[in-house]
Amino acid sequence: MKATAVLTGHRRTTFAVAVAVAAGGAVAVAALWWHHGDSNRSPLVPALDYSGRTRLCLAFDDDASSRSTAETARSIVRAATADRTANLQELTVPAGAPEEAASYLAGLAAQRCNLIITVGPASATGVPALSTADPTLRFAVLGSPTSVPGPTVVIVDQQDMTRALTSQVTAITASAPTR
């Protein structure tokens, strides 16, 4: 006696759907396996900045005095980069949280800023930790104590802000590759 399985009606449709799902799953697994070998290649274009321009970052305290100085610094930086050789990014640091300033500035460093300009005492409190952790980061510190250490940290006097910032920005946009 021979046993024969005959699929009829509803069972035939269910079997066809199951075969189609299994075949689709096998194709998906094969495609993922085939593309997995490409995961170690570096991207052809950096993901953070497609322009290839120097990135300047302005971090300022959230108070009236710092906002006014930041507005002046913004004007100076824009005038120094009138030929569109740099992007300017801004970040407001809460004035009441100087202990968190390093994490705010670390966010700018993670975005590959070539120069971080800080305005106000709260913003400046994060500079020593970052300049020690990454000696390639360059800082211009405005309106803060003069005891901020680091070989790539420039203290900018309020009276000499135009000349000092213009020379910093011009030097970086002329020579520094994007980070």
C-alpha atoms as a PDB file:
ATOM      1  CA  MET A   1       0.000   0.000   0.000  1.00  0.00           C
ATOM      2  CA  LYS A   2       1.341   3.317  -1.086  1.00  0.00           C
ATOM      3  CA  ALA A   3       0.733   6.544   0.762  1.00  0.00           C
ATOM      4  CA  THR A   4       0.201   9.551  -1.449  1.00  0.00           C
ATOM      5  CA  ALA A   5      -0.277  13.028  -0.171  1.00  0.00           C
ATOM      6  CA  VAL A   6      -2.598  15.134  -2.157  1.00  0.00           C
ATOM      7  CA  LEU A   7      -2.805  18.846  -1.378  1.00  0.00           C
ATOM      8  CA  THR A   8      -6.127  20.366  -2.085  1.00  0.00           C
ATOM      9  CA  GLY A   9      -7.620  23.848  -1.898  1.00  0.00           C
ATOM     10  CA  HIS A  10      -6.616  25.648   1.273  1.00  0.00           C
ATOM     11  CA  ARG A  11      -3.639  23.376   2.003  1.00  0.00           C
ATOM     12  CA  ARG A  12      -2.173  23.984  -1.462  1.00  0.00           C
ATOM     13  CA  THR A  13      -2.340  27.773  -0.949  1.00  0.00           C
ATOM     14  CA  THR A  14      -0.765  27.528   2.524  1.00  0.00           C
ATOM     15  CA  PHE A  15       2.051  25.352   1.173  1.00  0.00           C
ATOM     16  CA  ALA A  16       2.730  27.803  -1.687  1.00  0.00           C
ATOM     17  CA  VAL A  17       2.895  30.744   0.740  1.00  0.00           C
ATOM     18  CA  ALA A  18       5.289  28.834   3.043  1.00  0.00           C
ATOM     19  CA  VAL A  19       7.586  27.986   0.107  1.00  0.00           C
ATOM     20  CA  ALA A  20       7.562  31.634  -1.046  1.00  0.00           C
ATOM     21  CA  VAL A  21       8.419  32.913   2.452  1.00  0.00           C
ATOM     22  CA  ALA A  22      11.256  30.402   2.812  1.00  0.00           C
ATOM     23  CA  ALA A  23      12.659  31.343  -0.604  1.00  0.00           C
ATOM     24  CA  GLY A  24      12.445  35.071   0.217  1.00  0.00           C
ATOM     25  CA  GLY A  25      14.216  34.495   3.533  1.00  0.00           C
ATOM     26  CA  ALA A  26      16.984  32.571   1.809  1.00  0.00           C
ATOM     27  CA  VAL A  27      17.463  35.383  -0.722  1.00  0.00           C
ATOM     28  CA  ALA A  28      17.587  37.988   2.077  1.00  0.00           C
ATOM     29  CA  VAL A  29      20.172  35.994   4.059  1.00  0.00           C
ATOM     30  CA  ALA A  30      22.289  35.499   0.929  1.00  0.00           C
ATOM     31  CA  ALA A  31      22.153  39.237   0.135  1.00  0.00           C
ATOM     32  CA  LEU A  32      23.195  40.193   3.675  1.00  0.00           C
ATOM     33  CA  TRP A  33      26.026  37.679   3.650  1.00  0.00           C
ATOM     34  CA  TRP A  34      27.226  38.902   0.250  1.00  0.00           C
ATOM     35  CA  HIS A  35      27.303  42.589   1.358  1.00  0.00           C
ATOM     36  CA  HIS A  36      28.861  41.828   4.745  1.00  0.00           C
ATOM     37  CA  GLY A  37      32.364  41.791   3.233  1.00  0.00           C
ATOM     38  CA  ASP A  38      32.039  45.489   2.308  1.00  0.00           C
ATOM     39  CA  SER A  39      31.447  46.637   5.911  1.00  0.00           C
ATOM     40  CA  ASN A  40      35.145  47.169   6.665  1.00  0.00           C
ATOM     41  CA  ARG A  41      35.705  49.664   3.855  1.00  0.00           C
ATOM     42  CA  SER A  42      35.984  53.305   4.845  1.00  0.00           C
ATOM     43  CA  PRO A  43      33.475  55.704   3.299  1.00  0.00           C
ATOM     44  CA  LEU A  44      34.576  57.540   0.182  1.00  0.00           C
ATOM     45  CA  VAL A  45      33.255  60.868   1.521  1.00  0.00           C
ATOM     46  CA  PRO A  46      33.403  61.916   5.188  1.00  0.00           C
ATOM     47  CA  ALA A  47      29.902  61.765   6.620  1.00  0.00           C
ATOM     48  CA  LEU A  48      30.122  64.830   8.823  1.00  0.00           C
ATOM     49  CA  ASP A  49      30.898  67.554   6.309  1.00  0.00           C
ATOM     50  CA  TYR A  50      30.464  67.193   2.579  1.00  0.00           C
ATOM     51  CA  SER A  51      31.762  70.691   1.836  1.00  0.00           C
ATOM     52  CA  GLY A  52      35.372  69.953   2.768  1.00  0.00           C
ATOM     53  CA  ARG A  53      35.570  73.387   4.403  1.00  0.00           C
ATOM     54  CA  THR A  54      37.170  74.228   7.726  1.00  0.00           C
ATOM     55  CA  ARG A  55      34.710  74.008  10.615  1.00  0.00           C
ATOM     56  CA  LEU A  56      34.751  76.790  13.201  1.00  0.00           C
ATOM     57  CA  CYS A  57      32.640  76.440  16.331  1.00  0.00           C
ATOM     58  CA  LEU A  58      31.448  79.202  18.636  1.00  0.00           C
ATOM     59  CA  ALA A  59      30.375  78.158  22.158  1.00  0.00           C
ATOM     60  CA  PHE A  60      29.009  80.904  24.372  1.00  0.00           C
ATOM     61  CA  ASP A  61      27.401  81.191  27.792  1.00  0.00           C
ATOM     62  CA  ASP A  62      23.685  81.822  28.009  1.00  0.00           C
ATOM     63  CA  ASP A  63      23.850  85.292  29.551  1.00  0.00           C
ATOM     64  CA  ALA A  64      23.523  88.832  28.163  1.00  0.00           C
ATOM     65  CA  SER A  65      27.211  89.747  28.390  1.00  0.00           C
ATOM     66  CA  SER A  66      28.385  86.563  26.660  1.00  0.00           C
ATOM     67  CA  ARG A  67      25.719  86.884  23.960  1.00  0.00           C
ATOM     68  CA  SER A  68      26.929  90.385  23.146  1.00  0.00           C
ATOM     69  CA  THR A  69      30.567  89.259  22.925  1.00  0.00           C
ATOM     70  CA  ALA A  70      29.514  86.207  20.890  1.00  0.00           C
ATOM     71  CA  GLU A  71      27.697  88.478  18.426  1.00  0.00           C
ATOM     72  CA  THR A  72      30.896  90.486  17.969  1.00  0.00           C
ATOM     73  CA  ALA A  73      32.957  87.296  17.575  1.00  0.00           C
ATOM     74  CA  ARG A  74      30.450  85.953  15.034  1.00  0.00           C
ATOM     75  CA  SER A  75      30.795  89.144  12.964  1.00  0.00           C
ATOM     76  CA  ILE A  76      34.588  88.950  13.085  1.00  0.00           C
ATOM     77  CA  VAL A  77      34.619  85.286  12.019  1.00  0.00           C
ATOM     78  CA  ARG A  78      32.166  85.905   9.176  1.00  0.00           C
ATOM     79  CA  ALA A  79      34.263  88.828   7.921  1.00  0.00           C
ATOM     80  CA  ALA A  80      37.425  86.698   8.093  1.00  0.00           C
ATOM     81  CA  THR A  81      35.737  83.909   6.111  1.00  0.00           C
ATOM     82  CA  ALA A  82      33.929  86.071   3.586  1.00  0.00           C
ATOM     83  CA  ASP A  83      35.356  83.874   0.803  1.00  0.00           C
ATOM     84  CA  ARG A  84      33.267  80.968   2.201  1.00  0.00           C
ATOM     85  CA  THR A  85      36.251  78.824   3.187  1.00  0.00           C
ATOM     86  CA  ALA A  86      34.738  77.854   6.533  1.00  0.00           C
ATOM     87  CA  ASN A  87      31.503  76.788   8.176  1.00  0.00           C
ATOM     88  CA  LEU A  88      30.532  78.434  11.474  1.00  0.00           C
ATOM     89  CA  GLN A  89      28.572  76.407  13.991  1.00  0.00           C
ATOM     90  CA  GLU A  90      27.208  77.788  17.266  1.00  0.00           C
ATOM     91  CA  LEU A  91      26.340  76.270  20.639  1.00  0.00           C
ATOM     92  CA  THR A  92      24.877  77.918  23.737  1.00  0.00           C
ATOM     93  CA  VAL A  93      26.241  76.580  27.033  1.00  0.00           C
ATOM     94  CA  PRO A  94      23.942  77.086  30.054  1.00  0.00           C
ATOM     95  CA  ALA A  95      25.652  79.692  32.254  1.00  0.00           C
ATOM     96  CA  GLY A  96      24.407  77.992  35.410  1.00  0.00           C
ATOM     97  CA  ALA A  97      26.114  74.682  34.617  1.00  0.00           C
ATOM     98  CA  PRO A  98      29.874  75.255  34.277  1.00  0.00           C
ATOM     99  CA  GLU A  99      30.544  71.687  35.448  1.00  0.00           C
ATOM    100  CA  GLU A 100      28.851  70.425  32.267  1.00  0.00           C
ATOM    101  CA  ALA A 101      30.792  72.699  29.899  1.00  0.00           C
ATOM    102  CA  ALA A 102      33.322  69.971  29.040  1.00  0.00           C
ATOM    103  CA  SER A 103      30.558  67.708  27.744  1.00  0.00           C
ATOM    104  CA  TYR A 104      29.131  70.521  25.608  1.00  0.00           C
ATOM    105  CA  LEU A 105      32.574  71.287  24.149  1.00  0.00           C
ATOM    106  CA  ALA A 106      33.245  67.570  23.652  1.00  0.00           C
ATOM    107  CA  GLY A 107      30.166  67.531  21.421  1.00  0.00           C
ATOM    108  CA  LEU A 108      31.773  70.222  19.264  1.00  0.00           C
ATOM    109  CA  ALA A 109      35.030  68.273  19.206  1.00  0.00           C
ATOM    110  CA  ALA A 110      33.109  65.177  18.088  1.00  0.00           C
ATOM    111  CA  GLN A 111      31.740  67.233  15.200  1.00  0.00           C
ATOM    112  CA  ARG A 112      35.346  67.830  14.116  1.00  0.00           C
ATOM    113  CA  CYS A 113      35.727  71.531  14.745  1.00  0.00           C
ATOM    114  CA  ASN A 114      39.096  72.918  13.670  1.00  0.00           C
ATOM    115  CA  LEU A 115      38.805  75.851  16.089  1.00  0.00           C
ATOM    116  CA  ILE A 116      36.507  76.144  19.098  1.00  0.00           C
ATOM    117  CA  ILE A 117      35.911  79.730  20.199  1.00  0.00           C
ATOM    118  CA  THR A 118      34.537  79.992  23.731  1.00  0.00           C
ATOM    119  CA  VAL A 119      32.856  83.088  25.160  1.00  0.00           C
ATOM    120  CA  GLY A 120      32.228  83.404  28.885  1.00  0.00           C
ATOM    121  CA  PRO A 121      33.511  81.750  32.040  1.00  0.00           C
ATOM    122  CA  ALA A 122      31.171  78.736  31.998  1.00  0.00           C
ATOM    123  CA  SER A 123      32.210  77.758  28.467  1.00  0.00           C
ATOM    124  CA  ALA A 124      35.886  78.198  29.310  1.00  0.00           C
ATOM    125  CA  THR A 125      35.742  75.741  32.228  1.00  0.00           C
ATOM    126  CA  GLY A 126      35.619  72.825  29.782  1.00  0.00           C
ATOM    127  CA  VAL A 127      38.703  73.890  27.818  1.00  0.00           C
ATOM    128  CA  PRO A 128      41.448  72.529  30.131  1.00  0.00           C
ATOM    129  CA  ALA A 129      40.067  68.991  30.138  1.00  0.00           C
ATOM    130  CA  LEU A 130      39.598  68.884  26.356  1.00  0.00           C
ATOM    131  CA  SER A 131      42.922  70.514  25.510  1.00  0.00           C
ATOM    132  CA  THR A 132      44.660  67.932  27.691  1.00  0.00           C
ATOM    133  CA  ALA A 133      42.668  65.005  26.279  1.00  0.00           C
ATOM    134  CA  ASP A 134      43.161  66.027  22.642  1.00  0.00           C
ATOM    135  CA  PRO A 135      46.193  68.250  22.023  1.00  0.00           C
ATOM    136  CA  THR A 136      45.230  68.713  18.360  1.00  0.00           C
ATOM    137  CA  LEU A 137      42.103  70.720  19.253  1.00  0.00           C
ATOM    138  CA  ARG A 138      42.590  74.459  18.917  1.00  0.00           C
ATOM    139  CA  PHE A 139      40.804  76.937  21.173  1.00  0.00           C
ATOM    140  CA  ALA A 140      40.355  80.699  21.306  1.00  0.00           C
ATOM    141  CA  VAL A 141      39.073  81.683  24.756  1.00  0.00           C
ATOM    142  CA  LEU A 142      37.282  85.056  25.045  1.00  0.00           C
ATOM    143  CA  GLY A 143      36.320  86.835  28.253  1.00  0.00           C
ATOM    144  CA  SER A 144      37.724  84.297  30.682  1.00  0.00           C
ATOM    145  CA  PRO A 145      40.536  83.896  33.195  1.00  0.00           C
ATOM    146  CA  THR A 146      44.017  83.734  31.695  1.00  0.00           C
ATOM    147  CA  SER A 147      44.903  80.481  33.441  1.00  0.00           C
ATOM    148  CA  VAL A 148      43.573  78.105  30.778  1.00  0.00           C
ATOM    149  CA  PRO A 149      46.431  75.688  29.964  1.00  0.00           C
ATOM    150  CA  GLY A 150      47.340  74.062  26.693  1.00  0.00           C
ATOM    151  CA  PRO A 151      49.667  74.632  23.748  1.00  0.00           C
ATOM    152  CA  THR A 152      46.741  75.054  21.337  1.00  0.00           C
ATOM    153  CA  VAL A 153      44.777  77.426  23.591  1.00  0.00           C
ATOM    154  CA  VAL A 154      44.909  81.159  22.817  1.00  0.00           C
ATOM    155  CA  ILE A 155      43.541  83.626  25.343  1.00  0.00           C
ATOM    156  CA  VAL A 156      41.948  86.521  23.475  1.00  0.00           C
ATOM    157  CA  ASP A 157      41.795  89.921  25.151  1.00  0.00           C
ATOM    158  CA  GLN A 158      38.531  91.813  24.624  1.00  0.00           C
ATOM    159  CA  GLN A 159      40.361  94.909  23.342  1.00  0.00           C
ATOM    160  CA  ASP A 160      42.366  92.873  20.822  1.00  0.00           C
ATOM    161  CA  MET A 161      39.540  90.539  19.762  1.00  0.00           C
ATOM    162  CA  THR A 162      39.296  91.611  16.117  1.00  0.00           C
ATOM    163  CA  ARG A 163      42.996  91.179  15.350  1.00  0.00           C
ATOM    164  CA  ALA A 164      43.414  87.981  17.393  1.00  0.00           C
ATOM    165  CA  LEU A 165      40.350  86.172  16.021  1.00  0.00           C
ATOM    166  CA  THR A 166      41.023  87.263  12.447  1.00  0.00           C
ATOM    167  CA  SER A 167      44.590  85.944  12.618  1.00  0.00           C
ATOM    168  CA  GLN A 168      43.448  82.640  14.205  1.00  0.00           C
ATOM    169  CA  VAL A 169      40.682  82.076  11.655  1.00  0.00           C
ATOM    170  CA  THR A 170      42.859  83.087   8.700  1.00  0.00           C
ATOM    171  CA  ALA A 171      45.679  80.774   9.783  1.00  0.00           C
ATOM    172  CA  ILE A 172      43.339  77.818  10.272  1.00  0.00           C
ATOM    173  CA  THR A 173      41.386  78.241   7.041  1.00  0.00           C
ATOM    174  CA  ALA A 174      44.618  78.625   5.074  1.00  0.00           C
ATOM    175  CA  SER A 175      46.443  75.617   6.470  1.00  0.00           C
ATOM    176  CA  ALA A 176      44.281  73.199   8.426  1.00  0.00           C
ATOM    177  CA  PRO A 177      42.682  70.249   6.677  1.00  0.00           C
ATOM    178  CA  THR A 178      39.217  69.335   7.900  1.00  0.00           C
ATOM    179  CA  ARG A 179      39.366  67.041  10.895  1.00  0.00           C
END
